[in-house]
Amino acid sequence: MARAESIVLLNTGNGKGKSSAAFGVMSRGWARGWKVAVVQFVKGGKWKTGERKLADHLGIEWHTLGDGFTWESTDLDETAAKGRHAWQVASEMLSSGDYDLLIFDEITYAVTYGWVPSGEVAEAIRDRNPSTNVVMTGRNAPGELIEVADTVTEMRKIKHAYDRGIKAKKGIEF
């Protein structure tokens, strides 16, 4: 069995752990001496996540380019523009050859909300620099992203604390 020069992972589904799994790969790549970067498509700058603190500590490049979840947005046109801008940054990173690993956190939302065509994302990932590995996350991954990925994992919710009224916990969810 041959080893690929790079691979694409996709973590999707309604269960918890899509981004957490991606950030595990981020940590592993960094530990191997890789140049790693993260682009967040939805979360805005007000989110002070543990993953971001870790990335800052490790010197991992991090772009938080969203403005929060769409249901919190006061200007959906601005939210969409930020999503398109995040994709522009991400697509340039894909072709640059400067990265061993790119994490595109919640990229599926940029596609499912219509900010960026799924075919355009799939094509850019397919045509990426050959040495750049990619991890994509988000619910409801469209077929084009599933097709371009080498490994697709669906997180399925069986039970979640939030359903019992327990809010997100610092250190567990963020």
N, C-alpha and C. Protein backbone atom coordinates (compact mmCIF):
# COMPACT_ATOMS: atom_id res chain seq x y z
N MET A 1 0.85 -1.19 0.00
CA MET A 1 0.00 0.00 0.00
C MET A 1 0.89 1.24 0.00
N ALA A 2 0.62 2.15 -0.91
CA ALA A 2 1.42 3.37 -1.03
C ALA A 2 0.96 4.42 -0.04
N ARG A 3 1.88 5.25 0.38
CA ARG A 3 1.57 6.37 1.26
C ARG A 3 1.32 7.60 0.38
N ALA A 4 0.18 8.26 0.57
CA ALA A 4 -0.14 9.46 -0.21
C ALA A 4 0.71 10.63 0.26
N GLU A 5 1.01 11.54 -0.66
CA GLU A 5 1.78 12.72 -0.28
C GLU A 5 0.99 13.60 0.69
N SER A 6 -0.33 13.66 0.49
CA SER A 6 -1.21 14.39 1.41
C SER A 6 -2.60 13.78 1.32
N ILE A 7 -3.40 14.02 2.37
CA ILE A 7 -4.77 13.52 2.38
C ILE A 7 -5.74 14.60 2.85
N VAL A 8 -7.02 14.33 2.61
CA VAL A 8 -8.10 15.23 3.02
C VAL A 8 -9.04 14.47 3.94
N LEU A 9 -9.28 15.05 5.12
CA LEU A 9 -10.21 14.48 6.09
C LEU A 9 -11.43 15.39 6.18
N LEU A 10 -12.59 14.79 6.40
CA LEU A 10 -13.83 15.54 6.59
C LEU A 10 -14.55 14.96 7.80
N ASN A 11 -14.79 15.82 8.80
CA ASN A 11 -15.55 15.45 9.99
C ASN A 11 -16.91 16.14 9.91
N THR A 12 -17.97 15.36 9.81
CA THR A 12 -19.30 15.92 9.64
C THR A 12 -20.27 15.20 10.57
N GLY A 13 -21.55 15.55 10.50
CA GLY A 13 -22.57 14.92 11.32
C GLY A 13 -23.08 15.85 12.41
N ASN A 14 -24.11 15.39 13.12
CA ASN A 14 -24.76 16.20 14.14
C ASN A 14 -24.19 16.01 15.54
N GLY A 15 -23.23 15.12 15.67
CA GLY A 15 -22.65 14.85 16.98
C GLY A 15 -21.52 15.81 17.33
N LYS A 16 -21.15 15.80 18.59
CA LYS A 16 -20.06 16.61 19.11
C LYS A 16 -18.73 15.99 18.71
N GLY A 17 -17.71 16.84 18.51
CA GLY A 17 -16.37 16.33 18.33
C GLY A 17 -15.73 16.57 16.97
N LYS A 18 -16.45 17.21 16.06
CA LYS A 18 -15.89 17.44 14.71
C LYS A 18 -14.67 18.34 14.77
N SER A 19 -14.81 19.49 15.39
CA SER A 19 -13.68 20.41 15.50
C SER A 19 -12.63 19.88 16.47
N SER A 20 -13.07 19.27 17.56
CA SER A 20 -12.11 18.71 18.53
C SER A 20 -11.19 17.69 17.86
N ALA A 21 -11.76 16.84 17.02
CA ALA A 21 -10.94 15.85 16.30
C ALA A 21 -9.97 16.56 15.36
N ALA A 22 -10.43 17.60 14.68
CA ALA A 22 -9.56 18.35 13.78
C ALA A 22 -8.40 18.99 14.54
N PHE A 23 -8.69 19.51 15.73
CA PHE A 23 -7.64 20.16 16.50
C PHE A 23 -6.68 19.14 17.11
N GLY A 24 -7.12 17.91 17.26
CA GLY A 24 -6.21 16.84 17.62
C GLY A 24 -5.20 16.60 16.50
N VAL A 25 -5.68 16.60 15.26
CA VAL A 25 -4.79 16.47 14.10
C VAL A 25 -3.86 17.68 14.02
N MET A 26 -4.38 18.86 14.33
CA MET A 26 -3.56 20.08 14.36
C MET A 26 -2.38 19.89 15.31
N SER A 27 -2.66 19.41 16.49
CA SER A 27 -1.61 19.21 17.50
C SER A 27 -0.61 18.16 17.04
N ARG A 28 -1.10 17.11 16.47
CA ARG A 28 -0.23 16.02 15.98
C ARG A 28 0.68 16.54 14.86
N GLY A 29 0.11 17.30 13.92
CA GLY A 29 0.91 17.86 12.84
C GLY A 29 1.99 18.79 13.37
N TRP A 30 1.64 19.67 14.29
CA TRP A 30 2.60 20.58 14.90
C TRP A 30 3.73 19.79 15.55
N ALA A 31 3.37 18.72 16.27
CA ALA A 31 4.37 17.90 16.97
C ALA A 31 5.34 17.22 15.99
N ARG A 32 4.91 17.07 14.73
CA ARG A 32 5.76 16.47 13.70
C ARG A 32 6.56 17.53 12.94
N GLY A 33 6.48 18.77 13.40
CA GLY A 33 7.25 19.84 12.77
C GLY A 33 6.60 20.44 11.54
N TRP A 34 5.30 20.18 11.35
CA TRP A 34 4.59 20.70 10.19
C TRP A 34 4.24 22.17 10.37
N LYS A 35 4.14 22.86 9.24
CA LYS A 35 3.59 24.22 9.22
C LYS A 35 2.07 24.05 9.14
N VAL A 36 1.37 24.51 10.18
CA VAL A 36 -0.07 24.29 10.33
C VAL A 36 -0.78 25.63 10.41
N ALA A 37 -1.97 25.70 9.83
CA ALA A 37 -2.81 26.89 9.95
C ALA A 37 -4.27 26.48 10.07
N VAL A 38 -5.04 27.34 10.72
CA VAL A 38 -6.47 27.12 10.93
C VAL A 38 -7.23 28.31 10.35
N VAL A 39 -8.32 28.02 9.62
CA VAL A 39 -9.25 29.06 9.18
C VAL A 39 -10.61 28.69 9.75
N GLN A 40 -11.18 29.57 10.57
CA GLN A 40 -12.52 29.36 11.11
C GLN A 40 -13.50 30.18 10.31
N PHE A 41 -14.52 29.49 9.79
CA PHE A 41 -15.48 30.11 8.88
C PHE A 41 -16.68 30.72 9.59
N VAL A 42 -16.97 30.30 10.80
CA VAL A 42 -18.18 30.78 11.47
C VAL A 42 -17.85 31.55 12.75
N LYS A 43 -17.07 30.95 13.61
CA LYS A 43 -16.80 31.60 14.90
C LYS A 43 -16.14 32.95 14.68
N GLY A 44 -16.60 33.94 15.46
CA GLY A 44 -16.04 35.28 15.37
C GLY A 44 -14.97 35.49 16.43
N GLY A 45 -14.36 36.67 16.40
CA GLY A 45 -13.25 36.99 17.29
C GLY A 45 -13.59 36.99 18.77
N LYS A 46 -14.89 37.09 19.11
CA LYS A 46 -15.25 37.13 20.53
C LYS A 46 -15.11 35.78 21.21
N TRP A 47 -14.99 34.70 20.41
CA TRP A 47 -14.83 33.36 20.97
C TRP A 47 -13.40 33.18 21.47
N LYS A 48 -13.24 32.96 22.76
CA LYS A 48 -11.92 32.72 23.34
C LYS A 48 -11.82 31.24 23.65
N THR A 49 -11.46 30.46 22.64
CA THR A 49 -11.45 29.01 22.79
C THR A 49 -10.12 28.50 23.32
N GLY A 50 -10.17 27.35 23.95
CA GLY A 50 -8.96 26.69 24.41
C GLY A 50 -8.05 26.32 23.26
N GLU A 51 -8.65 25.90 22.13
CA GLU A 51 -7.86 25.53 20.96
C GLU A 51 -7.06 26.73 20.45
N ARG A 52 -7.68 27.89 20.46
CA ARG A 52 -6.99 29.10 20.00
C ARG A 52 -5.85 29.45 20.94
N LYS A 53 -6.08 29.31 22.24
CA LYS A 53 -5.02 29.59 23.20
C LYS A 53 -3.84 28.64 22.97
N LEU A 54 -4.14 27.36 22.71
CA LEU A 54 -3.09 26.39 22.44
C LEU A 54 -2.33 26.76 21.16
N ALA A 55 -3.07 27.09 20.11
CA ALA A 55 -2.45 27.45 18.83
C ALA A 55 -1.54 28.66 19.00
N ASP A 56 -2.01 29.68 19.72
CA ASP A 56 -1.19 30.86 19.97
C ASP A 56 0.10 30.48 20.70
N HIS A 57 -0.04 29.64 21.70
CA HIS A 57 1.11 29.19 22.49
C HIS A 57 2.12 28.44 21.61
N LEU A 58 1.61 27.65 20.66
CA LEU A 58 2.48 26.84 19.80
C LEU A 58 2.97 27.59 18.56
N GLY A 59 2.43 28.78 18.32
CA GLY A 59 2.82 29.54 17.14
C GLY A 59 2.14 29.06 15.87
N ILE A 60 0.96 28.47 16.02
CA ILE A 60 0.19 28.01 14.86
C ILE A 60 -0.63 29.19 14.32
N GLU A 61 -0.55 29.40 13.02
CA GLU A 61 -1.29 30.48 12.36
C GLU A 61 -2.79 30.22 12.49
N TRP A 62 -3.56 31.25 12.86
CA TRP A 62 -4.99 31.07 13.14
C TRP A 62 -5.75 32.26 12.58
N HIS A 63 -6.75 31.99 11.77
CA HIS A 63 -7.59 33.03 11.19
C HIS A 63 -9.04 32.80 11.62
N THR A 64 -9.55 33.67 12.48
CA THR A 64 -10.96 33.64 12.87
C THR A 64 -11.66 34.68 12.03
N LEU A 65 -12.32 34.22 10.95
CA LEU A 65 -12.81 35.16 9.94
C LEU A 65 -14.33 35.27 9.88
N GLY A 66 -15.04 34.51 10.68
CA GLY A 66 -16.49 34.62 10.72
C GLY A 66 -16.90 35.75 11.65
N ASP A 67 -18.20 35.92 11.80
CA ASP A 67 -18.68 36.93 12.76
C ASP A 67 -19.66 36.31 13.73
N GLY A 68 -19.55 35.03 13.93
CA GLY A 68 -20.43 34.34 14.86
C GLY A 68 -21.42 33.48 14.10
N PHE A 69 -22.25 32.79 14.83
CA PHE A 69 -23.23 31.90 14.22
C PHE A 69 -24.32 32.71 13.54
N THR A 70 -24.83 32.21 12.43
CA THR A 70 -25.79 32.98 11.63
C THR A 70 -27.02 33.40 12.44
N TRP A 71 -27.43 32.56 13.38
CA TRP A 71 -28.62 32.91 14.17
C TRP A 71 -28.33 34.05 15.14
N GLU A 72 -27.05 34.45 15.30
CA GLU A 72 -26.69 35.59 16.13
C GLU A 72 -26.45 36.84 15.29
N SER A 73 -26.43 36.70 13.96
CA SER A 73 -26.05 37.79 13.06
C SER A 73 -27.13 38.86 13.00
N THR A 74 -26.67 40.10 13.00
CA THR A 74 -27.59 41.22 12.80
C THR A 74 -27.54 41.70 11.35
N ASP A 75 -26.60 41.21 10.57
CA ASP A 75 -26.46 41.60 9.17
C ASP A 75 -25.99 40.38 8.37
N LEU A 76 -26.95 39.64 7.80
CA LEU A 76 -26.61 38.41 7.09
C LEU A 76 -25.77 38.66 5.84
N ASP A 77 -25.90 39.83 5.22
CA ASP A 77 -25.05 40.15 4.07
C ASP A 77 -23.59 40.25 4.51
N GLU A 78 -23.36 40.88 5.66
CA GLU A 78 -21.99 40.99 6.18
C GLU A 78 -21.47 39.61 6.58
N THR A 79 -22.32 38.79 7.17
CA THR A 79 -21.93 37.43 7.55
C THR A 79 -21.50 36.65 6.30
N ALA A 80 -22.28 36.76 5.23
CA ALA A 80 -21.95 36.07 3.98
C ALA A 80 -20.64 36.60 3.39
N ALA A 81 -20.45 37.90 3.44
CA ALA A 81 -19.22 38.51 2.91
C ALA A 81 -18.01 38.01 3.69
N LYS A 82 -18.16 37.88 4.99
CA LYS A 82 -17.05 37.36 5.81
C LYS A 82 -16.77 35.90 5.47
N GLY A 83 -17.82 35.14 5.21
CA GLY A 83 -17.64 33.75 4.80
C GLY A 83 -16.92 33.64 3.47
N ARG A 84 -17.27 34.50 2.53
CA ARG A 84 -16.59 34.51 1.22
C ARG A 84 -15.13 34.93 1.38
N HIS A 85 -14.89 35.91 2.24
CA HIS A 85 -13.51 36.34 2.49
C HIS A 85 -12.69 35.20 3.12
N ALA A 86 -13.28 34.49 4.06
CA ALA A 86 -12.60 33.36 4.68
C ALA A 86 -12.21 32.34 3.62
N TRP A 87 -13.12 32.08 2.67
CA TRP A 87 -12.80 31.14 1.60
C TRP A 87 -11.68 31.66 0.71
N GLN A 88 -11.66 32.95 0.43
CA GLN A 88 -10.59 33.53 -0.38
C GLN A 88 -9.25 33.30 0.30
N VAL A 89 -9.18 33.55 1.60
CA VAL A 89 -7.94 33.32 2.36
C VAL A 89 -7.58 31.84 2.30
N ALA A 90 -8.56 30.96 2.55
CA ALA A 90 -8.32 29.52 2.57
C ALA A 90 -7.84 29.01 1.21
N SER A 91 -8.47 29.48 0.14
CA SER A 91 -8.10 28.98 -1.19
C SER A 91 -6.68 29.40 -1.57
N GLU A 92 -6.28 30.59 -1.17
CA GLU A 92 -4.90 31.01 -1.42
C GLU A 92 -3.91 30.15 -0.63
N MET A 93 -4.28 29.80 0.59
CA MET A 93 -3.42 28.94 1.42
C MET A 93 -3.28 27.55 0.80
N LEU A 94 -4.37 27.04 0.23
CA LEU A 94 -4.36 25.71 -0.38
C LEU A 94 -3.35 25.60 -1.51
N SER A 95 -3.25 26.62 -2.31
CA SER A 95 -2.38 26.55 -3.49
C SER A 95 -0.96 27.03 -3.22
N SER A 96 -0.73 27.66 -2.08
CA SER A 96 0.55 28.32 -1.82
C SER A 96 1.74 27.37 -1.68
N GLY A 97 1.51 26.18 -1.16
CA GLY A 97 2.61 25.29 -0.86
C GLY A 97 3.33 25.62 0.43
N ASP A 98 2.79 26.57 1.17
CA ASP A 98 3.43 27.01 2.42
C ASP A 98 3.02 26.18 3.64
N TYR A 99 2.03 25.31 3.49
CA TYR A 99 1.46 24.61 4.64
C TYR A 99 1.50 23.10 4.45
N ASP A 100 1.79 22.41 5.54
CA ASP A 100 1.70 20.95 5.56
C ASP A 100 0.29 20.52 5.94
N LEU A 101 -0.41 21.36 6.73
CA LEU A 101 -1.75 21.02 7.21
C LEU A 101 -2.59 22.28 7.34
N LEU A 102 -3.79 22.22 6.76
CA LEU A 102 -4.77 23.29 6.90
C LEU A 102 -6.03 22.73 7.52
N ILE A 103 -6.52 23.40 8.54
CA ILE A 103 -7.78 23.04 9.19
C ILE A 103 -8.81 24.08 8.77
N PHE A 104 -9.87 23.64 8.10
CA PHE A 104 -10.96 24.53 7.69
C PHE A 104 -12.16 24.22 8.58
N ASP A 105 -12.22 24.92 9.71
CA ASP A 105 -13.23 24.65 10.73
C ASP A 105 -14.57 25.25 10.32
N GLU A 106 -15.59 24.39 10.27
CA GLU A 106 -16.96 24.78 9.94
C GLU A 106 -17.10 25.30 8.51
N ILE A 107 -16.28 24.79 7.62
CA ILE A 107 -16.36 25.19 6.21
C ILE A 107 -17.66 24.74 5.56
N THR A 108 -18.25 23.65 6.05
CA THR A 108 -19.49 23.18 5.41
C THR A 108 -20.60 24.23 5.49
N TYR A 109 -20.58 25.07 6.52
CA TYR A 109 -21.60 26.11 6.63
C TYR A 109 -21.45 27.15 5.53
N ALA A 110 -20.21 27.48 5.17
CA ALA A 110 -19.98 28.45 4.09
C ALA A 110 -20.59 27.94 2.79
N VAL A 111 -20.62 26.62 2.63
CA VAL A 111 -21.20 26.02 1.43
C VAL A 111 -22.72 25.90 1.57
N THR A 112 -23.19 25.33 2.67
CA THR A 112 -24.63 25.10 2.81
C THR A 112 -25.43 26.40 2.92
N TYR A 113 -24.82 27.48 3.40
CA TYR A 113 -25.51 28.77 3.45
C TYR A 113 -25.40 29.52 2.13
N GLY A 114 -24.68 28.95 1.14
CA GLY A 114 -24.59 29.56 -0.17
C GLY A 114 -23.55 30.66 -0.31
N TRP A 115 -22.65 30.80 0.65
CA TRP A 115 -21.63 31.84 0.56
C TRP A 115 -20.59 31.50 -0.50
N VAL A 116 -20.29 30.20 -0.62
CA VAL A 116 -19.28 29.72 -1.56
C VAL A 116 -19.82 28.46 -2.22
N PRO A 117 -19.72 28.33 -3.55
CA PRO A 117 -20.21 27.11 -4.22
C PRO A 117 -19.40 25.88 -3.81
N SER A 118 -20.09 24.78 -3.53
CA SER A 118 -19.41 23.56 -3.09
C SER A 118 -18.45 23.04 -4.16
N GLY A 119 -18.81 23.19 -5.43
CA GLY A 119 -17.93 22.76 -6.50
C GLY A 119 -16.61 23.52 -6.51
N GLU A 120 -16.68 24.80 -6.20
CA GLU A 120 -15.46 25.63 -6.14
C GLU A 120 -14.54 25.17 -5.01
N VAL A 121 -15.14 24.87 -3.86
CA VAL A 121 -14.35 24.38 -2.72
C VAL A 121 -13.72 23.03 -3.07
N ALA A 122 -14.52 22.12 -3.62
CA ALA A 122 -14.02 20.80 -3.97
C ALA A 122 -12.88 20.89 -4.98
N GLU A 123 -13.05 21.75 -5.97
CA GLU A 123 -12.02 21.90 -7.01
C GLU A 123 -10.72 22.44 -6.41
N ALA A 124 -10.81 23.44 -5.55
CA ALA A 124 -9.61 24.02 -4.94
C ALA A 124 -8.90 22.99 -4.05
N ILE A 125 -9.67 22.17 -3.37
CA ILE A 125 -9.06 21.14 -2.53
C ILE A 125 -8.42 20.07 -3.41
N ARG A 126 -9.10 19.69 -4.45
CA ARG A 126 -8.54 18.70 -5.39
C ARG A 126 -7.25 19.21 -6.03
N ASP A 127 -7.22 20.52 -6.35
CA ASP A 127 -6.07 21.13 -7.04
C ASP A 127 -5.06 21.75 -6.07
N ARG A 128 -5.19 21.46 -4.78
CA ARG A 128 -4.30 22.04 -3.77
C ARG A 128 -2.84 21.67 -4.04
N ASN A 129 -1.93 22.35 -3.37
CA ASN A 129 -0.54 21.95 -3.44
C ASN A 129 -0.46 20.49 -3.00
N PRO A 130 0.26 19.66 -3.72
CA PRO A 130 0.26 18.22 -3.42
C PRO A 130 0.73 17.84 -2.03
N SER A 131 1.50 18.70 -1.37
CA SER A 131 2.01 18.35 -0.04
C SER A 131 1.13 18.87 1.09
N THR A 132 0.00 19.50 0.78
CA THR A 132 -0.87 20.11 1.80
C THR A 132 -2.00 19.17 2.18
N ASN A 133 -2.01 18.74 3.44
CA ASN A 133 -3.09 17.96 4.02
C ASN A 133 -4.19 18.92 4.46
N VAL A 134 -5.44 18.45 4.44
CA VAL A 134 -6.58 19.31 4.78
C VAL A 134 -7.53 18.56 5.69
N VAL A 135 -8.04 19.25 6.73
CA VAL A 135 -9.13 18.74 7.55
C VAL A 135 -10.26 19.75 7.47
N MET A 136 -11.44 19.28 7.06
CA MET A 136 -12.64 20.12 6.99
C MET A 136 -13.61 19.65 8.06
N THR A 137 -14.36 20.59 8.64
CA THR A 137 -15.38 20.21 9.62
C THR A 137 -16.70 20.92 9.33
N GLY A 138 -17.76 20.39 9.90
CA GLY A 138 -19.07 21.02 9.87
C GLY A 138 -20.18 20.04 9.56
N ARG A 139 -21.37 20.39 9.98
CA ARG A 139 -22.56 19.56 9.74
C ARG A 139 -22.97 19.59 8.27
N ASN A 140 -23.75 18.60 7.89
CA ASN A 140 -24.40 18.57 6.57
C ASN A 140 -23.42 18.76 5.41
N ALA A 141 -22.33 18.04 5.44
CA ALA A 141 -21.35 18.15 4.35
C ALA A 141 -21.99 17.79 3.02
N PRO A 142 -21.83 18.66 2.01
CA PRO A 142 -22.40 18.36 0.70
C PRO A 142 -21.61 17.25 -0.01
N GLY A 143 -22.26 16.63 -0.98
CA GLY A 143 -21.67 15.52 -1.70
C GLY A 143 -20.31 15.82 -2.32
N GLU A 144 -20.12 17.04 -2.85
CA GLU A 144 -18.85 17.39 -3.47
C GLU A 144 -17.70 17.33 -2.47
N LEU A 145 -17.96 17.75 -1.23
CA LEU A 145 -16.89 17.70 -0.21
C LEU A 145 -16.64 16.27 0.25
N ILE A 146 -17.70 15.49 0.35
CA ILE A 146 -17.54 14.07 0.70
C ILE A 146 -16.73 13.37 -0.39
N GLU A 147 -17.01 13.68 -1.63
CA GLU A 147 -16.32 13.05 -2.76
C GLU A 147 -14.83 13.38 -2.78
N VAL A 148 -14.48 14.62 -2.51
CA VAL A 148 -13.07 15.04 -2.60
C VAL A 148 -12.25 14.56 -1.39
N ALA A 149 -12.91 14.23 -0.30
CA ALA A 149 -12.19 13.78 0.91
C ALA A 149 -11.72 12.33 0.76
N ASP A 150 -10.58 12.05 1.37
CA ASP A 150 -10.07 10.68 1.40
C ASP A 150 -10.70 9.89 2.55
N THR A 151 -10.93 10.58 3.67
CA THR A 151 -11.53 9.96 4.84
C THR A 151 -12.67 10.85 5.32
N VAL A 152 -13.85 10.28 5.48
CA VAL A 152 -15.01 11.01 5.97
C VAL A 152 -15.51 10.32 7.22
N THR A 153 -15.65 11.09 8.30
CA THR A 153 -16.17 10.56 9.55
C THR A 153 -17.43 11.33 9.91
N GLU A 154 -18.49 10.59 10.21
CA GLU A 154 -19.73 11.22 10.63
C GLU A 154 -19.89 11.06 12.14
N MET A 155 -19.93 12.18 12.84
CA MET A 155 -20.18 12.18 14.28
C MET A 155 -21.70 12.13 14.47
N ARG A 156 -22.16 11.15 15.21
CA ARG A 156 -23.60 10.98 15.42
C ARG A 156 -23.93 11.21 16.89
N LYS A 157 -24.87 12.11 17.13
CA LYS A 157 -25.27 12.39 18.51
C LYS A 157 -26.18 11.28 19.01
N ILE A 158 -25.82 10.74 20.13
CA ILE A 158 -26.68 9.78 20.82
C ILE A 158 -27.33 10.48 22.02
N LYS A 159 -26.57 11.32 22.68
CA LYS A 159 -27.04 12.05 23.85
C LYS A 159 -26.12 13.25 24.02
N HIS A 160 -26.67 14.39 24.45
CA HIS A 160 -25.85 15.58 24.64
C HIS A 160 -26.35 16.34 25.87
N ALA A 161 -25.42 16.83 26.67
CA ALA A 161 -25.76 17.56 27.89
C ALA A 161 -26.64 18.77 27.61
N TYR A 162 -26.45 19.42 26.49
CA TYR A 162 -27.22 20.61 26.13
C TYR A 162 -28.71 20.30 26.08
N ASP A 163 -29.06 19.08 25.66
CA ASP A 163 -30.46 18.68 25.58
C ASP A 163 -31.13 18.66 26.95
N ARG A 164 -30.33 18.59 28.00
CA ARG A 164 -30.86 18.62 29.37
C ARG A 164 -30.70 19.99 30.00
N GLY A 165 -30.37 21.00 29.17
CA GLY A 165 -30.25 22.36 29.67
C GLY A 165 -28.88 22.70 30.23
N ILE A 166 -27.89 21.87 30.01
CA ILE A 166 -26.54 22.14 30.50
C ILE A 166 -25.78 22.92 29.43
N LYS A 167 -25.32 24.12 29.81
CA LYS A 167 -24.63 24.99 28.86
C LYS A 167 -23.23 24.46 28.54
N ALA A 168 -22.68 24.95 27.42
CA ALA A 168 -21.31 24.59 27.01
C ALA A 168 -20.34 24.89 28.13
N LYS A 169 -19.42 23.98 28.34
CA LYS A 169 -18.46 24.10 29.44
C LYS A 169 -17.06 24.43 28.92
N LYS A 170 -16.48 25.48 29.50
CA LYS A 170 -15.12 25.88 29.14
C LYS A 170 -14.20 24.69 29.43
N GLY A 171 -13.34 24.37 28.48
CA GLY A 171 -12.42 23.24 28.65
C GLY A 171 -12.97 21.95 28.05
N ILE A 172 -14.28 21.87 27.84
CA ILE A 172 -14.89 20.70 27.20
C ILE A 172 -15.35 21.08 25.79
N GLU A 173 -16.22 22.09 25.70
CA GLU A 173 -16.72 22.50 24.38
C GLU A 173 -15.91 23.62 23.75
N PHE A 174 -15.23 24.41 24.55
CA PHE A 174 -14.45 25.53 23.95
C PHE A 174 -13.27 25.87 24.82
